[in-house]
Structures are given as structure tokens and as C-alpha cells.
């Protein structure tokens, strides 16, 4: 039986690689040797030349948003533009009142 593969992303290189998931193993980019971010098994990378999409993706991944499959058929809504992403993240953050 094979291992399920998931996507790891190198934001500086704007590259995505499907590799077996190991929670304990650090993945490094084959191009620049930087640590890659686990994006999830439902991740679909934008084209490398689409700088705006990669800026949005950088914001989402650095905020801890993943693209993981769920029982309902996918990761759900993910914003595609930077303005949408900022507003979406602001709504998702819980507000704590003292």
C-alpha cells in the first residue's frame, strides 16, 4: 500500500511538490534548500508567473490556512485576491474581550 501524498510549497521559488506526508520530517526545497510549508492534499498551485496569486497564497499559508481534504469534498472556500484574503482572515480571527 502506498503513502498518501500531500503538497509542500516553497514560497520564494513559487514551487509546489507532492510528497508523502511525515509530520516529524522537515521538507526542504530542491531548488533553494529552504524549509517548505505543508499546504495540504487539496492544494492546487497557481501558475508561477501569477505574482498576485502567490502573494495571496503567502498570506494564507503564513496565517496557518491549509488546503486539506475534508469529508465534504474539499477545503472549502479560499480567497483568490489579496484584498479578499485580508478581509477573510480578519473575519476568521476570534476576538477576545477582557
N, C-alpha and C. Protein backbone atom coordinates (compact mmCIF):
# COMPACT_ATOMS: atom_id res chain seq x y z
N UNK A 1 0.85 -1.17 0.00
CA UNK A 1 0.00 0.00 0.00
C UNK A 1 0.90 1.24 0.00
N UNK A 2 0.64 2.20 -0.87
CA UNK A 2 1.44 3.41 -0.97
C UNK A 2 1.02 4.46 0.04
N UNK A 3 1.89 5.41 0.24
CA UNK A 3 1.60 6.52 1.14
C UNK A 3 0.80 7.58 0.41
N UNK A 4 -0.08 8.24 1.13
CA UNK A 4 -0.81 9.36 0.55
C UNK A 4 0.15 10.52 0.39
N UNK A 5 0.02 11.23 -0.71
CA UNK A 5 0.90 12.37 -0.94
C UNK A 5 0.16 13.67 -0.66
N UNK A 6 0.91 14.66 -0.27
CA UNK A 6 0.38 15.97 0.05
C UNK A 6 1.32 17.02 -0.52
N UNK A 7 0.87 18.24 -0.61
CA UNK A 7 1.67 19.30 -1.21
C UNK A 7 2.49 20.05 -0.18
N UNK A 8 3.72 20.32 -0.56
CA UNK A 8 4.62 21.20 0.19
C UNK A 8 4.99 22.34 -0.74
N UNK A 9 5.04 23.56 -0.18
CA UNK A 9 5.22 24.75 -1.01
C UNK A 9 6.48 25.51 -0.58
N UNK A 10 7.25 25.95 -1.57
CA UNK A 10 8.35 26.87 -1.34
C UNK A 10 7.89 28.22 -1.89
N UNK A 11 7.61 29.15 -0.99
CA UNK A 11 7.08 30.45 -1.42
C UNK A 11 8.10 31.29 -2.19
N UNK A 12 9.39 31.36 -1.78
CA UNK A 12 10.34 32.16 -2.55
C UNK A 12 10.52 31.66 -3.99
N UNK A 13 10.48 30.34 -4.19
CA UNK A 13 10.65 29.77 -5.54
C UNK A 13 9.33 29.70 -6.30
N UNK A 14 8.22 29.92 -5.60
CA UNK A 14 6.87 29.75 -6.18
C UNK A 14 6.74 28.35 -6.80
N UNK A 15 7.03 27.35 -5.97
CA UNK A 15 7.00 25.97 -6.43
C UNK A 15 6.27 25.09 -5.42
N UNK A 16 5.63 24.05 -5.93
CA UNK A 16 4.89 23.11 -5.11
C UNK A 16 5.34 21.70 -5.47
N UNK A 17 5.47 20.85 -4.45
CA UNK A 17 5.91 19.48 -4.66
C UNK A 17 5.00 18.54 -3.88
N UNK A 18 4.55 17.46 -4.54
CA UNK A 18 3.76 16.43 -3.87
C UNK A 18 4.73 15.41 -3.30
N UNK A 19 4.62 15.18 -2.00
CA UNK A 19 5.48 14.22 -1.33
C UNK A 19 4.68 13.50 -0.25
N UNK A 20 5.16 12.32 0.18
CA UNK A 20 4.46 11.63 1.27
C UNK A 20 4.47 12.48 2.53
N UNK A 21 3.39 12.43 3.27
CA UNK A 21 3.27 13.24 4.48
C UNK A 21 3.97 12.56 5.65
N UNK A 22 4.86 13.30 6.29
CA UNK A 22 5.50 12.89 7.54
C UNK A 22 5.44 14.11 8.44
N UNK A 23 4.72 14.01 9.55
CA UNK A 23 4.58 15.16 10.44
C UNK A 23 5.89 15.50 11.14
N UNK A 24 6.77 14.56 11.28
CA UNK A 24 8.01 14.77 12.02
C UNK A 24 9.17 15.19 11.13
N UNK A 25 8.99 15.11 9.82
CA UNK A 25 10.09 15.36 8.89
C UNK A 25 9.99 16.75 8.28
N UNK A 26 11.07 17.47 8.30
CA UNK A 26 11.13 18.81 7.69
C UNK A 26 11.43 18.64 6.20
N UNK A 27 10.64 19.27 5.36
CA UNK A 27 10.85 19.18 3.91
C UNK A 27 11.60 20.42 3.44
N UNK A 28 12.57 20.22 2.56
CA UNK A 28 13.36 21.32 2.01
C UNK A 28 13.16 21.39 0.50
N UNK A 29 13.18 22.60 0.00
CA UNK A 29 13.01 22.84 -1.44
C UNK A 29 14.21 22.30 -2.20
N UNK A 30 13.98 21.56 -3.28
CA UNK A 30 15.11 21.07 -4.07
C UNK A 30 15.83 22.19 -4.84
N UNK A 31 15.19 23.33 -5.00
CA UNK A 31 15.81 24.44 -5.72
C UNK A 31 16.70 25.31 -4.83
N UNK A 32 16.15 25.71 -3.64
CA UNK A 32 16.86 26.69 -2.81
C UNK A 32 17.24 26.16 -1.43
N UNK A 33 16.80 24.97 -1.08
CA UNK A 33 17.08 24.29 0.18
C UNK A 33 16.42 24.95 1.40
N UNK A 34 15.48 25.87 1.20
CA UNK A 34 14.73 26.44 2.32
C UNK A 34 13.65 25.47 2.76
N UNK A 35 13.21 25.64 4.01
CA UNK A 35 12.14 24.79 4.54
C UNK A 35 10.83 25.12 3.81
N UNK A 36 10.12 24.07 3.40
CA UNK A 36 8.85 24.26 2.71
C UNK A 36 7.69 24.21 3.70
N UNK A 37 6.56 24.77 3.31
CA UNK A 37 5.35 24.81 4.12
C UNK A 37 4.41 23.71 3.64
N UNK A 38 3.84 22.98 4.61
CA UNK A 38 2.85 21.96 4.27
C UNK A 38 1.54 22.65 3.90
N UNK A 39 1.10 22.50 2.65
CA UNK A 39 -0.10 23.18 2.17
C UNK A 39 -1.34 22.31 2.23
N UNK A 40 -1.19 20.99 2.16
CA UNK A 40 -2.33 20.09 2.22
C UNK A 40 -2.53 19.30 0.95
N UNK A 41 -3.34 18.27 1.05
CA UNK A 41 -3.53 17.37 -0.08
C UNK A 41 -4.50 17.91 -1.13
N UNK A 42 -5.28 18.93 -0.81
CA UNK A 42 -6.23 19.51 -1.76
C UNK A 42 -5.68 20.80 -2.38
N UNK A 43 -4.39 21.04 -2.24
CA UNK A 43 -3.78 22.27 -2.74
C UNK A 43 -3.56 22.20 -4.25
N UNK A 44 -3.91 23.27 -4.93
CA UNK A 44 -3.65 23.41 -6.36
C UNK A 44 -2.85 24.70 -6.55
N UNK A 45 -1.59 24.61 -6.94
CA UNK A 45 -0.75 25.81 -7.02
C UNK A 45 -1.15 26.71 -8.18
N UNK A 46 -1.02 28.01 -7.99
CA UNK A 46 -1.24 28.92 -9.12
C UNK A 46 -0.05 28.85 -10.07
N UNK A 47 -0.19 29.36 -11.28
CA UNK A 47 0.97 29.40 -12.18
C UNK A 47 2.10 30.24 -11.56
N UNK A 48 3.33 29.83 -11.81
CA UNK A 48 4.48 30.51 -11.23
C UNK A 48 4.53 32.00 -11.63
N UNK A 49 4.06 32.34 -12.78
CA UNK A 49 4.12 33.73 -13.26
C UNK A 49 3.04 34.62 -12.65
N UNK A 50 2.06 34.04 -11.96
CA UNK A 50 0.96 34.80 -11.36
C UNK A 50 1.37 35.32 -9.98
N UNK A 51 2.07 36.46 -9.97
CA UNK A 51 2.62 37.01 -8.73
C UNK A 51 1.53 37.38 -7.73
N UNK A 52 0.42 37.89 -8.19
CA UNK A 52 -0.67 38.29 -7.29
C UNK A 52 -1.23 37.07 -6.56
N UNK A 53 -1.41 35.97 -7.26
CA UNK A 53 -1.92 34.75 -6.62
C UNK A 53 -0.93 34.22 -5.60
N UNK A 54 0.35 34.31 -5.87
CA UNK A 54 1.36 33.84 -4.93
C UNK A 54 1.44 34.76 -3.71
N UNK A 55 1.20 36.05 -3.87
CA UNK A 55 1.16 36.96 -2.71
C UNK A 55 -0.01 36.58 -1.80
N UNK A 56 -1.15 36.30 -2.40
CA UNK A 56 -2.33 35.88 -1.63
C UNK A 56 -2.06 34.56 -0.94
N UNK A 57 -1.47 33.62 -1.66
CA UNK A 57 -1.15 32.32 -1.09
C UNK A 57 -0.15 32.46 0.06
N UNK A 58 0.82 33.33 -0.07
CA UNK A 58 1.79 33.57 1.00
C UNK A 58 1.08 34.05 2.26
N UNK A 59 0.16 34.99 2.11
CA UNK A 59 -0.60 35.49 3.25
C UNK A 59 -1.38 34.37 3.92
N UNK A 60 -2.05 33.54 3.13
CA UNK A 60 -2.87 32.46 3.68
C UNK A 60 -2.02 31.40 4.38
N UNK A 61 -0.95 30.94 3.74
CA UNK A 61 -0.13 29.89 4.34
C UNK A 61 0.58 30.38 5.59
N UNK A 62 1.06 31.61 5.58
CA UNK A 62 1.72 32.15 6.77
C UNK A 62 0.74 32.38 7.92
N UNK A 63 -0.54 32.50 7.60
CA UNK A 63 -1.57 32.64 8.63
C UNK A 63 -2.05 31.28 9.15
N UNK A 64 -1.50 30.20 8.57
CA UNK A 64 -1.86 28.87 9.04
C UNK A 64 -3.04 28.23 8.34
N UNK A 65 -3.47 28.82 7.24
CA UNK A 65 -4.59 28.27 6.48
C UNK A 65 -4.06 27.12 5.63
N UNK A 66 -4.73 25.98 5.67
CA UNK A 66 -4.32 24.83 4.90
C UNK A 66 -5.34 24.47 3.85
N UNK A 67 -4.93 23.63 2.94
CA UNK A 67 -5.79 23.16 1.86
C UNK A 67 -5.91 21.64 2.01
N UNK A 68 -6.68 21.22 3.00
CA UNK A 68 -6.80 19.81 3.34
C UNK A 68 -8.17 19.30 2.93
N UNK A 69 -8.20 18.06 2.46
CA UNK A 69 -9.47 17.44 2.09
C UNK A 69 -10.30 17.21 3.34
N UNK A 70 -11.59 17.34 3.19
CA UNK A 70 -12.50 17.04 4.28
C UNK A 70 -13.51 16.02 3.80
N UNK A 71 -14.37 15.62 4.68
CA UNK A 71 -15.39 14.65 4.30
C UNK A 71 -16.39 15.23 3.31
N UNK A 72 -16.42 16.56 3.19
CA UNK A 72 -17.40 17.23 2.34
C UNK A 72 -16.88 17.50 0.93
N UNK A 73 -15.70 17.04 0.59
CA UNK A 73 -15.23 17.14 -0.78
C UNK A 73 -14.22 18.24 -1.07
N UNK A 74 -13.53 18.74 -0.10
CA UNK A 74 -12.50 19.72 -0.39
C UNK A 74 -12.27 20.67 0.77
N UNK A 75 -11.36 21.62 0.56
CA UNK A 75 -11.00 22.51 1.66
C UNK A 75 -11.99 23.63 1.92
N UNK A 76 -12.98 23.77 1.07
CA UNK A 76 -13.92 24.88 1.24
C UNK A 76 -13.43 26.13 0.56
N UNK A 77 -14.08 27.23 0.86
CA UNK A 77 -13.75 28.50 0.22
C UNK A 77 -12.35 28.97 0.62
N UNK A 78 -11.59 29.42 -0.36
CA UNK A 78 -10.31 30.07 -0.14
C UNK A 78 -10.26 31.29 -1.04
N UNK A 79 -9.98 32.47 -0.48
CA UNK A 79 -9.94 33.69 -1.28
C UNK A 79 -8.82 33.65 -2.31
N UNK A 80 -9.06 34.32 -3.43
CA UNK A 80 -8.09 34.31 -4.52
C UNK A 80 -7.36 35.63 -4.69
N UNK A 81 -7.89 36.70 -4.11
CA UNK A 81 -7.26 38.02 -4.23
C UNK A 81 -6.81 38.49 -2.85
N UNK A 82 -5.76 39.29 -2.83
CA UNK A 82 -5.16 39.74 -1.59
C UNK A 82 -6.15 40.49 -0.71
N UNK A 83 -6.94 41.37 -1.29
CA UNK A 83 -7.93 42.13 -0.53
C UNK A 83 -8.97 41.19 0.10
N UNK A 84 -9.44 40.22 -0.68
CA UNK A 84 -10.39 39.23 -0.15
C UNK A 84 -9.76 38.42 0.97
N UNK A 85 -8.50 38.04 0.81
CA UNK A 85 -7.82 37.22 1.80
C UNK A 85 -7.68 37.96 3.12
N UNK A 86 -7.30 39.23 3.06
CA UNK A 86 -7.17 40.01 4.30
C UNK A 86 -8.50 40.12 5.03
N UNK A 87 -9.56 40.39 4.30
CA UNK A 87 -10.89 40.51 4.91
C UNK A 87 -11.34 39.15 5.46
N UNK A 88 -11.10 38.10 4.72
CA UNK A 88 -11.49 36.75 5.14
C UNK A 88 -10.76 36.35 6.41
N UNK A 89 -9.45 36.62 6.46
CA UNK A 89 -8.68 36.29 7.66
C UNK A 89 -9.13 37.12 8.86
N UNK A 90 -9.46 38.38 8.63
CA UNK A 90 -9.93 39.24 9.73
C UNK A 90 -11.23 38.70 10.32
N UNK A 91 -12.12 38.19 9.48
CA UNK A 91 -13.38 37.61 9.96
C UNK A 91 -13.16 36.29 10.69
N UNK A 92 -12.14 35.53 10.31
CA UNK A 92 -11.87 34.23 10.93
C UNK A 92 -11.20 34.33 12.28
N UNK A 93 -10.47 35.41 12.53
CA UNK A 93 -9.75 35.55 13.79
C UNK A 93 -10.75 35.80 14.92
N UNK A 94 -10.64 35.01 15.97
CA UNK A 94 -11.56 35.24 17.10
C UNK A 94 -11.19 36.52 17.83
N UNK A 95 -12.20 37.22 18.28
CA UNK A 95 -11.95 38.43 19.07
C UNK A 95 -12.09 38.07 20.53
N UNK A 96 -11.14 38.46 21.31
CA UNK A 96 -11.15 38.18 22.74
C UNK A 96 -11.38 39.49 23.49
N UNK A 97 -12.43 39.52 24.25
CA UNK A 97 -12.68 40.72 25.05
C UNK A 97 -12.35 40.41 26.50
N UNK A 98 -11.76 41.37 27.16
CA UNK A 98 -11.36 41.19 28.56
C UNK A 98 -12.39 41.75 29.49
